[in-house]
């Protein structure tokens, strides 16, 4: 059995953790035993991997795509609710560089982080 640790970033809602927990929780070895021991790692002691298995199943993306999309959603929330710089947000949500964050944000959200923040604030 392999161990899988799923990181619950600050502010990630339980739904964001459902997919990876569901996917890895369903994979079985040839003898029927679970292939992965799924654990959710969080500073919040209330986070429990078992609770996420009851939420909607896998959406069809790869685990990496799912993680990047979850990080971008968290970035959107921070752009909407804080005055942190794009660089600070990129670091806070786990991107190794602001360039990678901007590239992923553009691909997933269809706009740059700066333009997203400006459009959100203009409509608020």
N, C-alpha and C. Protein backbone atom coordinates (compact mmCIF):
# COMPACT_ATOMS: atom_id res chain seq x y z
N UNK A 1 0.85 -1.18 0.00
CA UNK A 1 0.00 0.00 0.00
C UNK A 1 0.89 1.24 0.00
N UNK A 2 0.49 2.21 -0.78
CA UNK A 2 1.21 3.48 -0.86
C UNK A 2 0.48 4.51 0.00
N UNK A 3 1.22 5.44 0.57
CA UNK A 3 0.61 6.52 1.34
C UNK A 3 0.50 7.75 0.46
N UNK A 4 -0.64 8.39 0.51
CA UNK A 4 -0.88 9.63 -0.23
C UNK A 4 -1.26 10.69 0.80
N UNK A 5 -0.57 11.81 0.79
CA UNK A 5 -0.91 12.93 1.67
C UNK A 5 -1.48 14.03 0.80
N UNK A 6 -2.68 14.47 1.13
CA UNK A 6 -3.33 15.55 0.40
C UNK A 6 -3.27 16.78 1.30
N UNK A 7 -2.70 17.85 0.79
CA UNK A 7 -2.48 19.04 1.57
C UNK A 7 -3.70 19.95 1.51
N UNK A 8 -4.26 20.27 2.65
CA UNK A 8 -5.38 21.21 2.73
C UNK A 8 -4.79 22.59 2.98
N UNK A 9 -4.73 23.40 1.93
CA UNK A 9 -4.18 24.75 2.05
C UNK A 9 -5.12 25.63 2.86
N UNK A 10 -4.60 26.67 3.42
CA UNK A 10 -5.38 27.62 4.19
C UNK A 10 -6.56 28.11 3.36
N UNK A 11 -7.76 27.94 3.85
CA UNK A 11 -8.94 28.43 3.16
C UNK A 11 -9.53 27.52 2.11
N UNK A 12 -8.96 26.34 1.89
CA UNK A 12 -9.52 25.42 0.91
C UNK A 12 -10.76 24.78 1.52
N UNK A 13 -11.85 24.82 0.79
CA UNK A 13 -13.10 24.26 1.30
C UNK A 13 -13.13 22.75 1.11
N UNK A 14 -13.91 22.02 1.92
CA UNK A 14 -13.95 20.57 1.81
C UNK A 14 -14.22 20.04 0.41
N UNK A 15 -15.06 20.70 -0.37
CA UNK A 15 -15.34 20.23 -1.72
C UNK A 15 -14.07 20.13 -2.55
N UNK A 16 -13.13 21.05 -2.35
CA UNK A 16 -11.88 21.05 -3.11
C UNK A 16 -11.04 19.81 -2.81
N UNK A 17 -11.27 19.17 -1.67
CA UNK A 17 -10.50 17.99 -1.30
C UNK A 17 -11.22 16.69 -1.67
N UNK A 18 -12.49 16.79 -2.03
CA UNK A 18 -13.28 15.60 -2.30
C UNK A 18 -12.72 14.78 -3.45
N UNK A 19 -12.36 15.42 -4.53
CA UNK A 19 -11.93 14.70 -5.72
C UNK A 19 -10.68 13.86 -5.49
N UNK A 20 -9.58 14.43 -5.00
CA UNK A 20 -8.42 13.56 -4.81
C UNK A 20 -8.67 12.46 -3.78
N UNK A 21 -9.42 12.74 -2.73
CA UNK A 21 -9.73 11.70 -1.74
C UNK A 21 -10.54 10.58 -2.38
N UNK A 22 -11.50 10.95 -3.20
CA UNK A 22 -12.35 9.97 -3.87
C UNK A 22 -11.54 9.12 -4.83
N UNK A 23 -10.71 9.74 -5.63
CA UNK A 23 -9.94 9.01 -6.64
C UNK A 23 -9.00 8.02 -6.00
N UNK A 24 -8.15 8.49 -5.11
CA UNK A 24 -7.17 7.59 -4.51
C UNK A 24 -7.84 6.56 -3.59
N UNK A 25 -8.97 6.92 -3.01
CA UNK A 25 -9.68 6.00 -2.14
C UNK A 25 -10.32 4.83 -2.89
N UNK A 26 -10.58 4.99 -4.17
CA UNK A 26 -11.24 3.94 -4.97
C UNK A 26 -10.26 2.96 -5.62
N UNK A 27 -9.01 3.31 -5.72
CA UNK A 27 -8.03 2.45 -6.39
C UNK A 27 -7.72 1.24 -5.51
N UNK A 28 -7.81 0.06 -6.12
CA UNK A 28 -7.60 -1.18 -5.38
C UNK A 28 -6.46 -1.99 -5.97
N UNK A 29 -5.81 -2.76 -5.12
CA UNK A 29 -4.80 -3.72 -5.56
C UNK A 29 -5.51 -4.93 -6.15
N UNK A 30 -4.80 -5.80 -6.88
CA UNK A 30 -5.44 -6.98 -7.48
C UNK A 30 -6.19 -7.85 -6.47
N UNK A 31 -5.74 -7.87 -5.21
CA UNK A 31 -6.42 -8.70 -4.21
C UNK A 31 -7.59 -7.98 -3.54
N UNK A 32 -7.91 -6.76 -3.98
CA UNK A 32 -9.07 -6.03 -3.47
C UNK A 32 -8.77 -5.05 -2.33
N UNK A 33 -7.56 -5.11 -1.79
CA UNK A 33 -7.21 -4.17 -0.73
C UNK A 33 -6.99 -2.78 -1.31
N UNK A 34 -7.20 -1.72 -0.50
CA UNK A 34 -6.94 -0.36 -0.99
C UNK A 34 -5.47 -0.22 -1.41
N UNK A 35 -5.23 0.46 -2.51
CA UNK A 35 -3.87 0.66 -3.00
C UNK A 35 -3.20 1.85 -2.29
N UNK A 36 -4.02 2.75 -1.77
CA UNK A 36 -3.48 3.96 -1.15
C UNK A 36 -4.09 4.20 0.22
N UNK A 37 -3.26 4.64 1.13
CA UNK A 37 -3.72 5.11 2.42
C UNK A 37 -3.82 6.62 2.27
N UNK A 38 -5.05 7.14 2.14
CA UNK A 38 -5.25 8.56 1.87
C UNK A 38 -5.34 9.32 3.18
N UNK A 39 -4.49 10.34 3.31
CA UNK A 39 -4.50 11.18 4.50
C UNK A 39 -4.54 12.64 4.08
N UNK A 40 -5.38 13.41 4.75
CA UNK A 40 -5.44 14.84 4.49
C UNK A 40 -4.59 15.53 5.54
N UNK A 41 -3.63 16.33 5.09
CA UNK A 41 -2.75 17.06 6.00
C UNK A 41 -3.22 18.50 6.08
N UNK A 42 -3.43 18.97 7.28
CA UNK A 42 -3.91 20.33 7.47
C UNK A 42 -3.54 20.83 8.85
N UNK A 43 -3.45 22.13 8.97
CA UNK A 43 -3.24 22.71 10.28
C UNK A 43 -4.56 22.68 11.05
N UNK A 44 -5.65 22.67 10.32
CA UNK A 44 -6.98 22.63 10.90
C UNK A 44 -7.30 21.20 11.31
N UNK A 45 -7.42 20.93 12.59
CA UNK A 45 -7.65 19.57 13.07
C UNK A 45 -9.04 19.05 12.71
N UNK A 46 -9.93 19.92 12.25
CA UNK A 46 -11.28 19.49 11.90
C UNK A 46 -11.36 18.86 10.51
N UNK A 47 -10.31 18.97 9.73
CA UNK A 47 -10.30 18.39 8.39
C UNK A 47 -10.16 16.88 8.50
N UNK A 48 -11.08 16.16 7.86
CA UNK A 48 -11.09 14.69 7.94
C UNK A 48 -11.32 14.12 6.55
N UNK A 49 -10.38 13.31 6.09
CA UNK A 49 -10.48 12.73 4.75
C UNK A 49 -11.74 11.91 4.58
N UNK A 50 -12.18 11.21 5.61
CA UNK A 50 -13.37 10.37 5.51
C UNK A 50 -14.60 11.14 5.09
N UNK A 51 -14.70 12.38 5.53
CA UNK A 51 -15.87 13.19 5.20
C UNK A 51 -15.94 13.52 3.71
N UNK A 52 -14.79 13.57 3.04
CA UNK A 52 -14.76 13.98 1.65
C UNK A 52 -15.16 12.86 0.70
N UNK A 53 -15.09 11.62 1.13
CA UNK A 53 -15.42 10.51 0.24
C UNK A 53 -16.91 10.48 -0.09
N UNK A 54 -17.71 11.21 0.66
CA UNK A 54 -19.15 11.22 0.43
C UNK A 54 -19.55 12.32 -0.55
N UNK A 55 -18.61 13.13 -0.96
CA UNK A 55 -18.90 14.23 -1.88
C UNK A 55 -18.79 13.75 -3.33
N UNK A 56 -19.12 14.60 -4.30
CA UNK A 56 -19.14 14.18 -5.71
C UNK A 56 -17.85 13.51 -6.17
N UNK A 57 -17.95 12.52 -7.05
CA UNK A 57 -16.79 11.76 -7.51
C UNK A 57 -15.91 12.54 -8.49
N UNK A 58 -14.87 11.90 -8.92
CA UNK A 58 -13.85 12.43 -9.81
C UNK A 58 -14.45 13.14 -11.02
N UNK A 59 -13.87 14.26 -11.39
CA UNK A 59 -14.41 15.08 -12.47
C UNK A 59 -13.76 14.84 -13.82
N UNK A 60 -12.73 14.00 -13.89
CA UNK A 60 -12.13 13.70 -15.17
C UNK A 60 -10.84 14.43 -15.48
N UNK A 61 -10.33 15.22 -14.55
CA UNK A 61 -9.05 15.88 -14.78
C UNK A 61 -7.95 15.08 -14.08
N UNK A 62 -6.72 15.41 -14.38
CA UNK A 62 -5.61 14.74 -13.70
C UNK A 62 -5.45 15.36 -12.31
N UNK A 63 -4.81 14.65 -11.39
CA UNK A 63 -4.60 15.24 -10.07
C UNK A 63 -3.84 16.58 -10.12
N UNK A 64 -2.86 16.69 -11.02
CA UNK A 64 -2.13 17.94 -11.13
C UNK A 64 -3.03 19.07 -11.63
N UNK A 65 -3.84 18.81 -12.64
CA UNK A 65 -4.77 19.82 -13.14
C UNK A 65 -5.74 20.24 -12.05
N UNK A 66 -6.20 19.26 -11.29
CA UNK A 66 -7.12 19.56 -10.20
C UNK A 66 -6.46 20.45 -9.15
N UNK A 67 -5.23 20.12 -8.77
CA UNK A 67 -4.51 20.91 -7.78
C UNK A 67 -4.29 22.34 -8.28
N UNK A 68 -3.87 22.48 -9.53
CA UNK A 68 -3.63 23.82 -10.08
C UNK A 68 -4.93 24.63 -10.11
N UNK A 69 -6.03 23.99 -10.50
CA UNK A 69 -7.32 24.69 -10.53
C UNK A 69 -7.75 25.11 -9.13
N UNK A 70 -7.52 24.24 -8.13
CA UNK A 70 -7.86 24.59 -6.75
C UNK A 70 -7.01 25.77 -6.26
N UNK A 71 -5.74 25.77 -6.63
CA UNK A 71 -4.87 26.89 -6.25
C UNK A 71 -5.31 28.18 -6.92
N UNK A 72 -5.69 28.10 -8.18
CA UNK A 72 -6.16 29.30 -8.88
C UNK A 72 -7.46 29.81 -8.25
N UNK A 73 -8.38 28.90 -7.89
CA UNK A 73 -9.62 29.33 -7.22
C UNK A 73 -9.29 30.05 -5.91
N UNK A 74 -8.32 29.52 -5.18
CA UNK A 74 -7.90 30.16 -3.93
C UNK A 74 -7.26 31.52 -4.24
N UNK A 75 -6.48 31.59 -5.31
CA UNK A 75 -5.90 32.86 -5.73
C UNK A 75 -6.97 33.88 -6.09
N UNK A 76 -8.02 33.44 -6.78
CA UNK A 76 -9.12 34.34 -7.11
C UNK A 76 -9.75 34.91 -5.84
N UNK A 77 -9.98 34.03 -4.88
CA UNK A 77 -10.58 34.48 -3.62
C UNK A 77 -9.68 35.52 -2.94
N UNK A 78 -8.38 35.27 -2.90
CA UNK A 78 -7.46 36.21 -2.26
C UNK A 78 -7.37 37.52 -3.04
N UNK A 79 -7.43 37.45 -4.36
CA UNK A 79 -7.42 38.68 -5.17
C UNK A 79 -8.67 39.51 -4.90
N UNK A 80 -9.78 38.84 -4.63
CA UNK A 80 -11.04 39.53 -4.36
C UNK A 80 -11.10 40.12 -2.95
N UNK A 81 -10.46 39.47 -1.99
CA UNK A 81 -10.69 39.81 -0.59
C UNK A 81 -9.51 40.41 0.15
N UNK A 82 -8.33 40.47 -0.49
CA UNK A 82 -7.16 41.03 0.19
C UNK A 82 -6.50 42.09 -0.68
N UNK A 83 -5.57 42.79 -0.09
CA UNK A 83 -4.75 43.75 -0.84
C UNK A 83 -3.34 43.21 -1.04
N UNK A 84 -3.15 41.90 -0.81
CA UNK A 84 -1.84 41.29 -1.00
C UNK A 84 -1.42 41.40 -2.46
N UNK A 85 -0.12 41.51 -2.67
CA UNK A 85 0.38 41.58 -4.05
C UNK A 85 0.21 40.22 -4.73
N UNK A 86 0.27 40.22 -6.03
CA UNK A 86 0.18 38.97 -6.79
C UNK A 86 1.33 38.05 -6.38
N UNK A 87 2.50 38.60 -6.14
CA UNK A 87 3.65 37.82 -5.70
C UNK A 87 3.39 37.14 -4.36
N UNK A 88 2.81 37.89 -3.41
CA UNK A 88 2.50 37.33 -2.10
C UNK A 88 1.47 36.21 -2.21
N UNK A 89 0.45 36.43 -3.02
CA UNK A 89 -0.59 35.43 -3.20
C UNK A 89 -0.02 34.17 -3.84
N UNK A 90 0.81 34.34 -4.87
CA UNK A 90 1.42 33.18 -5.53
C UNK A 90 2.18 32.32 -4.54
N UNK A 91 2.96 32.96 -3.69
CA UNK A 91 3.73 32.23 -2.69
C UNK A 91 2.81 31.58 -1.66
N UNK A 92 1.81 32.30 -1.23
CA UNK A 92 0.89 31.82 -0.20
C UNK A 92 0.11 30.58 -0.63
N UNK A 93 -0.23 30.48 -1.90
CA UNK A 93 -1.04 29.34 -2.35
C UNK A 93 -0.21 28.21 -2.94
N UNK A 94 1.12 28.34 -2.85
CA UNK A 94 1.96 27.20 -3.18
C UNK A 94 2.63 27.19 -4.54
N UNK A 95 2.61 28.30 -5.25
CA UNK A 95 3.33 28.36 -6.52
C UNK A 95 4.78 28.73 -6.24
N UNK A 96 5.70 28.07 -6.93
CA UNK A 96 7.12 28.31 -6.73
C UNK A 96 7.57 29.65 -7.27
N UNK A 97 6.83 30.18 -8.23
CA UNK A 97 7.19 31.49 -8.80
C UNK A 97 5.91 32.21 -9.21
N UNK A 98 6.01 33.53 -9.24
CA UNK A 98 4.87 34.34 -9.66
C UNK A 98 4.59 34.13 -11.15
N UNK A 99 5.63 33.83 -11.93
CA UNK A 99 5.45 33.58 -13.36
C UNK A 99 4.59 32.33 -13.59
N UNK A 100 4.86 31.28 -12.83
CA UNK A 100 4.05 30.06 -12.94
C UNK A 100 2.61 30.34 -12.54
N UNK A 101 2.41 31.09 -11.46
CA UNK A 101 1.06 31.46 -11.03
C UNK A 101 0.33 32.23 -12.12
N UNK A 102 1.00 33.24 -12.69
CA UNK A 102 0.35 34.04 -13.73
C UNK A 102 -0.02 33.19 -14.95
N UNK A 103 0.87 32.28 -15.34
CA UNK A 103 0.61 31.41 -16.50
C UNK A 103 -0.58 30.50 -16.23
N UNK A 104 -0.60 29.86 -15.07
CA UNK A 104 -1.71 28.96 -14.72
C UNK A 104 -3.01 29.74 -14.57
N UNK A 105 -2.94 30.90 -13.94
CA UNK A 105 -4.13 31.73 -13.74
C UNK A 105 -4.71 32.13 -15.09
N UNK A 106 -3.86 32.57 -16.01
CA UNK A 106 -4.31 32.96 -17.35
C UNK A 106 -4.98 31.79 -18.07
N UNK A 107 -4.37 30.61 -17.99
CA UNK A 107 -4.91 29.43 -18.67
C UNK A 107 -6.25 29.01 -18.07
N UNK A 108 -6.38 29.04 -16.75
CA UNK A 108 -7.58 28.54 -16.09
C UNK A 108 -8.68 29.59 -16.00
N UNK A 109 -8.33 30.82 -15.62
CA UNK A 109 -9.32 31.87 -15.42
C UNK A 109 -9.59 32.69 -16.69
N UNK A 110 -8.68 32.58 -17.66
CA UNK A 110 -8.89 33.31 -18.91
C UNK A 110 -8.47 34.76 -18.87
N UNK A 111 -7.81 35.18 -17.82
CA UNK A 111 -7.33 36.55 -17.68
C UNK A 111 -6.15 36.54 -16.72
N UNK A 112 -5.46 37.65 -16.64
CA UNK A 112 -4.32 37.73 -15.72
C UNK A 112 -4.83 38.01 -14.30
N UNK A 113 -4.02 37.69 -13.28
CA UNK A 113 -4.43 38.01 -11.91
C UNK A 113 -4.72 39.50 -11.71
N UNK A 114 -3.88 40.34 -12.30
CA UNK A 114 -4.07 41.79 -12.15
C UNK A 114 -5.38 42.25 -12.79
N UNK A 115 -5.65 41.77 -14.00
CA UNK A 115 -6.90 42.14 -14.68
C UNK A 115 -8.11 41.59 -13.93
N UNK A 116 -7.98 40.37 -13.38
CA UNK A 116 -9.08 39.78 -12.61
C UNK A 116 -9.40 40.65 -11.40
N UNK A 117 -8.36 41.05 -10.67
CA UNK A 117 -8.57 41.90 -9.49
C UNK A 117 -9.22 43.22 -9.90
N UNK A 118 -8.73 43.82 -10.98
CA UNK A 118 -9.30 45.09 -11.44
C UNK A 118 -10.75 44.95 -11.85
N UNK A 119 -11.09 43.90 -12.57
CA UNK A 119 -12.47 43.68 -13.00
C UNK A 119 -13.37 43.39 -11.81
N UNK A 120 -12.87 42.62 -10.85
CA UNK A 120 -13.67 42.31 -9.67
C UNK A 120 -13.96 43.57 -8.86
N UNK A 121 -12.94 44.38 -8.68
CA UNK A 121 -13.11 45.61 -7.88
C UNK A 121 -13.99 46.63 -8.61
N UNK A 122 -13.92 46.65 -9.93
CA UNK A 122 -14.75 47.58 -10.70
C UNK A 122 -16.23 47.21 -10.61
N UNK A 123 -16.51 45.90 -10.49
CA UNK A 123 -17.90 45.46 -10.44
C UNK A 123 -18.46 45.47 -9.01
N UNK A 124 -17.59 45.59 -8.00
CA UNK A 124 -18.04 45.54 -6.60
C UNK A 124 -18.54 46.89 -6.13
